[in-house]
Amino acid sequence: MRIPPRMLAVTALAAALFAGGPVTASASAAPTAPVASASAYSAAVGDICYSALPPQAHDTLKLIEAGGPYPYPQDGTVFQNREGELPRQSSGYYHEYTVVTPGSDDRGARRIVTGERSREDYYTADHYASFDLVDYGC
């Protein structure tokens, strides 16, 4: 089972709180700063309300939060951002997950790409040609 990097920070915090030990920050902990608006990133990055996502994207986001299991072996792998549509980050920052496409014989074109920050989730319906930052506030 692959655990998204942002889940590791949450797991460490929960373990420390459960054990009653001190909680310390580390250089690898996910930043807690709010995610900038999509317009601050790239012309190709828009935004989409969580409620406007297809139901299968909701399913994928729930699987990500739960740490799997995922329907495809590629889910949870590092997304390289070769297209350069997302903000430039170090290798390993982004991970991709399949959004099931009903009626498709393969993985289809829809994906969720996550960043290390909490709730930094991008949806693409066109196999990385464009992305929308998921807005959980609407």
C-alpha atoms as a PDB file:
ATOM      1  CA  MET A   1       0.000   0.000   0.000  1.00  0.00           C
ATOM      2  CA  ARG A   2       1.314   3.421  -0.924  1.00  0.00           C
ATOM      3  CA  ILE A   3       0.758   6.209   1.579  1.00  0.00           C
ATOM      4  CA  PRO A   4       0.637   9.719   0.146  1.00  0.00           C
ATOM      5  CA  PRO A   5       3.362  11.957   1.642  1.00  0.00           C
ATOM      6  CA  ARG A   6       0.810  14.268   3.243  1.00  0.00           C
ATOM      7  CA  MET A   7      -0.712  11.269   5.021  1.00  0.00           C
ATOM      8  CA  LEU A   8       2.654  10.440   6.600  1.00  0.00           C
ATOM      9  CA  ALA A   9       2.704  13.798   8.404  1.00  0.00           C
ATOM     10  CA  VAL A  10      -0.851  13.271   9.681  1.00  0.00           C
ATOM     11  CA  THR A  11      -0.023   9.724  10.769  1.00  0.00           C
ATOM     12  CA  ALA A  12       3.061  10.888  12.686  1.00  0.00           C
ATOM     13  CA  LEU A  13       1.043  13.599  14.426  1.00  0.00           C
ATOM     14  CA  ALA A  14      -1.705  11.153  15.366  1.00  0.00           C
ATOM     15  CA  ALA A  15       0.829   8.652  16.693  1.00  0.00           C
ATOM     16  CA  ALA A  16       2.512  11.312  18.831  1.00  0.00           C
ATOM     17  CA  LEU A  17      -0.812  12.502  20.230  1.00  0.00           C
ATOM     18  CA  PHE A  18      -1.970   8.947  20.940  1.00  0.00           C
ATOM     19  CA  ALA A  19       1.270   8.068  22.718  1.00  0.00           C
ATOM     20  CA  GLY A  20       1.159  11.302  24.685  1.00  0.00           C
ATOM     21  CA  GLY A  21       4.566  12.353  23.478  1.00  0.00           C
ATOM     22  CA  PRO A  22       5.699  15.726  22.233  1.00  0.00           C
ATOM     23  CA  VAL A  23       4.900  16.774  18.703  1.00  0.00           C
ATOM     24  CA  THR A  24       7.875  18.181  16.885  1.00  0.00           C
ATOM     25  CA  ALA A  25       8.134  19.592  13.411  1.00  0.00           C
ATOM     26  CA  SER A  26      10.583  18.232  10.912  1.00  0.00           C
ATOM     27  CA  ALA A  27      11.880  19.385   7.581  1.00  0.00           C
ATOM     28  CA  SER A  28       9.829  16.703   5.833  1.00  0.00           C
ATOM     29  CA  ALA A  29       6.515  17.677   7.414  1.00  0.00           C
ATOM     30  CA  ALA A  30       3.922  19.029   5.020  1.00  0.00           C
ATOM     31  CA  PRO A  31       3.559  22.816   5.222  1.00  0.00           C
ATOM     32  CA  THR A  32       0.382  24.081   6.821  1.00  0.00           C
ATOM     33  CA  ALA A  33       0.194  27.312   4.875  1.00  0.00           C
ATOM     34  CA  PRO A  34      -2.987  27.740   2.867  1.00  0.00           C
ATOM     35  CA  VAL A  35      -2.811  26.781  -0.782  1.00  0.00           C
ATOM     36  CA  ALA A  36      -2.661  29.787  -3.091  1.00  0.00           C
ATOM     37  CA  SER A  37      -5.425  30.304  -5.573  1.00  0.00           C
ATOM     38  CA  ALA A  38      -5.128  28.526  -8.885  1.00  0.00           C
ATOM     39  CA  SER A  39      -4.630  31.832 -10.684  1.00  0.00           C
ATOM     40  CA  ALA A  40      -1.282  32.205  -8.901  1.00  0.00           C
ATOM     41  CA  TYR A  41      -0.002  29.045 -10.585  1.00  0.00           C
ATOM     42  CA  SER A  42      -0.387  28.750 -14.316  1.00  0.00           C
ATOM     43  CA  ALA A  43      -2.748  29.865 -17.023  1.00  0.00           C
ATOM     44  CA  ALA A  44      -3.613  26.181 -17.512  1.00  0.00           C
ATOM     45  CA  VAL A  45      -4.631  25.703 -13.861  1.00  0.00           C
ATOM     46  CA  GLY A  46      -8.193  26.692 -13.131  1.00  0.00           C
ATOM     47  CA  ASP A  47     -10.336  25.799 -10.185  1.00  0.00           C
ATOM     48  CA  ILE A  48     -13.329  23.574  -9.646  1.00  0.00           C
ATOM     49  CA  CYS A  49     -15.746  23.288  -6.756  1.00  0.00           C
ATOM     50  CA  TYR A  50     -15.597  19.980  -4.949  1.00  0.00           C
ATOM     51  CA  SER A  51     -19.355  19.672  -5.487  1.00  0.00           C
ATOM     52  CA  ALA A  52     -18.871  20.016  -9.269  1.00  0.00           C
ATOM     53  CA  LEU A  53     -16.500  17.036  -9.522  1.00  0.00           C
ATOM     54  CA  PRO A  54     -17.887  13.808 -10.983  1.00  0.00           C
ATOM     55  CA  PRO A  55     -18.886  11.217  -8.357  1.00  0.00           C
ATOM     56  CA  GLN A  56     -15.939   9.026  -9.349  1.00  0.00           C
ATOM     57  CA  ALA A  57     -13.537  11.851  -8.403  1.00  0.00           C
ATOM     58  CA  HIS A  58     -15.162  11.962  -4.951  1.00  0.00           C
ATOM     59  CA  ASP A  59     -14.550   8.216  -4.696  1.00  0.00           C
ATOM     60  CA  THR A  60     -10.888   8.680  -5.637  1.00  0.00           C
ATOM     61  CA  LEU A  61     -10.392  11.482  -3.102  1.00  0.00           C
ATOM     62  CA  LYS A  62     -11.908   9.274  -0.378  1.00  0.00           C
ATOM     63  CA  LEU A  63      -9.524   6.448  -1.318  1.00  0.00           C
ATOM     64  CA  ILE A  64      -6.570   8.848  -1.148  1.00  0.00           C
ATOM     65  CA  GLU A  65      -7.568  10.008   2.331  1.00  0.00           C
ATOM     66  CA  ALA A  66      -7.975   6.379   3.422  1.00  0.00           C
ATOM     67  CA  GLY A  67      -4.610   5.367   1.934  1.00  0.00           C
ATOM     68  CA  GLY A  68      -6.170   2.924  -0.566  1.00  0.00           C
ATOM     69  CA  PRO A  69      -6.642   0.293  -1.768  1.00  0.00           C
ATOM     70  CA  TYR A  70      -6.489   1.700  -5.275  1.00  0.00           C
ATOM     71  CA  PRO A  71      -8.005   0.133  -8.395  1.00  0.00           C
ATOM     72  CA  TYR A  72      -4.879   0.465 -10.564  1.00  0.00           C
ATOM     73  CA  PRO A  73      -1.217  -0.313  -9.804  1.00  0.00           C
ATOM     74  CA  GLN A  74      -0.189   3.110 -11.169  1.00  0.00           C
ATOM     75  CA  ASP A  75      -2.245   4.894  -8.503  1.00  0.00           C
ATOM     76  CA  GLY A  76      -0.066   6.639  -5.938  1.00  0.00           C
ATOM     77  CA  THR A  77       2.961   6.827  -8.203  1.00  0.00           C
ATOM     78  CA  VAL A  78       4.978   9.994  -8.608  1.00  0.00           C
ATOM     79  CA  PHE A  79       3.562  12.434 -11.143  1.00  0.00           C
ATOM     80  CA  GLN A  80       6.473  14.038 -12.977  1.00  0.00           C
ATOM     81  CA  ASN A  81       4.637  17.164 -14.220  1.00  0.00           C
ATOM     82  CA  ARG A  82       6.429  16.791 -17.571  1.00  0.00           C
ATOM     83  CA  GLU A  83       3.791  18.969 -19.190  1.00  0.00           C
ATOM     84  CA  GLY A  84       4.724  21.776 -16.795  1.00  0.00           C
ATOM     85  CA  GLU A  85       1.099  22.722 -16.165  1.00  0.00           C
ATOM     86  CA  LEU A  86       1.339  22.523 -12.364  1.00  0.00           C
ATOM     87  CA  PRO A  87       3.616  24.707 -10.238  1.00  0.00           C
ATOM     88  CA  ARG A  88       7.228  23.569 -10.442  1.00  0.00           C
ATOM     89  CA  GLN A  89       8.167  21.412  -7.459  1.00  0.00           C
ATOM     90  CA  SER A  90      10.868  18.894  -6.630  1.00  0.00           C
ATOM     91  CA  SER A  91      10.548  15.332  -7.892  1.00  0.00           C
ATOM     92  CA  GLY A  92       8.239  13.283  -5.725  1.00  0.00           C
ATOM     93  CA  TYR A  93       6.054  16.239  -4.704  1.00  0.00           C
ATOM     94  CA  TYR A  94       3.073  15.207  -6.845  1.00  0.00           C
ATOM     95  CA  HIS A  95       1.315  11.816  -6.985  1.00  0.00           C
ATOM     96  CA  GLU A  96      -1.377  10.692  -9.403  1.00  0.00           C
ATOM     97  CA  TYR A  97      -4.526   8.644  -8.973  1.00  0.00           C
ATOM     98  CA  THR A  98      -7.031   7.320 -11.491  1.00  0.00           C
ATOM     99  CA  VAL A  99     -10.567   8.672 -11.581  1.00  0.00           C
ATOM    100  CA  VAL A 100     -12.603   5.785 -12.969  1.00  0.00           C
ATOM    101  CA  THR A 101     -14.361   6.589 -16.246  1.00  0.00           C
ATOM    102  CA  PRO A 102     -17.581   4.576 -16.622  1.00  0.00           C
ATOM    103  CA  GLY A 103     -17.614   2.607 -19.869  1.00  0.00           C
ATOM    104  CA  SER A 104     -13.873   2.961 -20.486  1.00  0.00           C
ATOM    105  CA  ASP A 105     -11.880  -0.179 -21.251  1.00  0.00           C
ATOM    106  CA  ASP A 106      -8.740   1.335 -19.720  1.00  0.00           C
ATOM    107  CA  ARG A 107      -7.825   3.949 -17.110  1.00  0.00           C
ATOM    108  CA  GLY A 108      -9.326   6.710 -19.210  1.00  0.00           C
ATOM    109  CA  ALA A 109      -8.114  10.321 -19.132  1.00  0.00           C
ATOM    110  CA  ARG A 110      -9.353  11.498 -15.735  1.00  0.00           C
ATOM    111  CA  ARG A 111      -6.961  11.820 -12.791  1.00  0.00           C
ATOM    112  CA  ILE A 112      -6.501  13.422  -9.413  1.00  0.00           C
ATOM    113  CA  VAL A 113      -2.967  14.717  -8.864  1.00  0.00           C
ATOM    114  CA  THR A 114      -2.101  15.543  -5.274  1.00  0.00           C
ATOM    115  CA  GLY A 115       0.575  17.825  -3.927  1.00  0.00           C
ATOM    116  CA  GLU A 116       2.199  17.395  -0.530  1.00  0.00           C
ATOM    117  CA  ARG A 117       0.148  20.177   1.043  1.00  0.00           C
ATOM    118  CA  SER A 118      -3.090  19.197   2.691  1.00  0.00           C
ATOM    119  CA  ARG A 119      -5.966  19.450   0.237  1.00  0.00           C
ATOM    120  CA  GLU A 120      -3.729  20.394  -2.676  1.00  0.00           C
ATOM    121  CA  ASP A 121      -5.659  18.287  -5.132  1.00  0.00           C
ATOM    122  CA  TYR A 122      -5.868  18.869  -8.861  1.00  0.00           C
ATOM    123  CA  TYR A 123      -8.420  17.328 -11.216  1.00  0.00           C
ATOM    124  CA  THR A 124      -7.783  16.714 -14.902  1.00  0.00           C
ATOM    125  CA  ALA A 125     -10.381  15.333 -17.288  1.00  0.00           C
ATOM    126  CA  ASP A 126      -8.118  15.552 -20.337  1.00  0.00           C
ATOM    127  CA  HIS A 127      -5.035  13.520 -19.353  1.00  0.00           C
ATOM    128  CA  TYR A 128      -2.864  16.379 -18.063  1.00  0.00           C
ATOM    129  CA  ALA A 129      -3.604  18.957 -20.776  1.00  0.00           C
ATOM    130  CA  SER A 130      -5.236  21.152 -18.124  1.00  0.00           C
ATOM    131  CA  PHE A 131      -5.829  21.038 -14.387  1.00  0.00           C
ATOM    132  CA  ASP A 132      -8.321  22.457 -11.921  1.00  0.00           C
ATOM    133  CA  LEU A 133      -7.396  22.980  -8.268  1.00  0.00           C
ATOM    134  CA  VAL A 134     -10.190  21.464  -6.170  1.00  0.00           C
ATOM    135  CA  ASP A 135     -11.897  24.121  -4.056  1.00  0.00           C
ATOM    136  CA  TYR A 136     -13.294  22.439  -0.949  1.00  0.00           C
ATOM    137  CA  GLY A 137     -15.087  25.624   0.165  1.00  0.00           C
ATOM    138  CA  CYS A 138     -17.872  25.529  -2.406  1.00  0.00           C
END
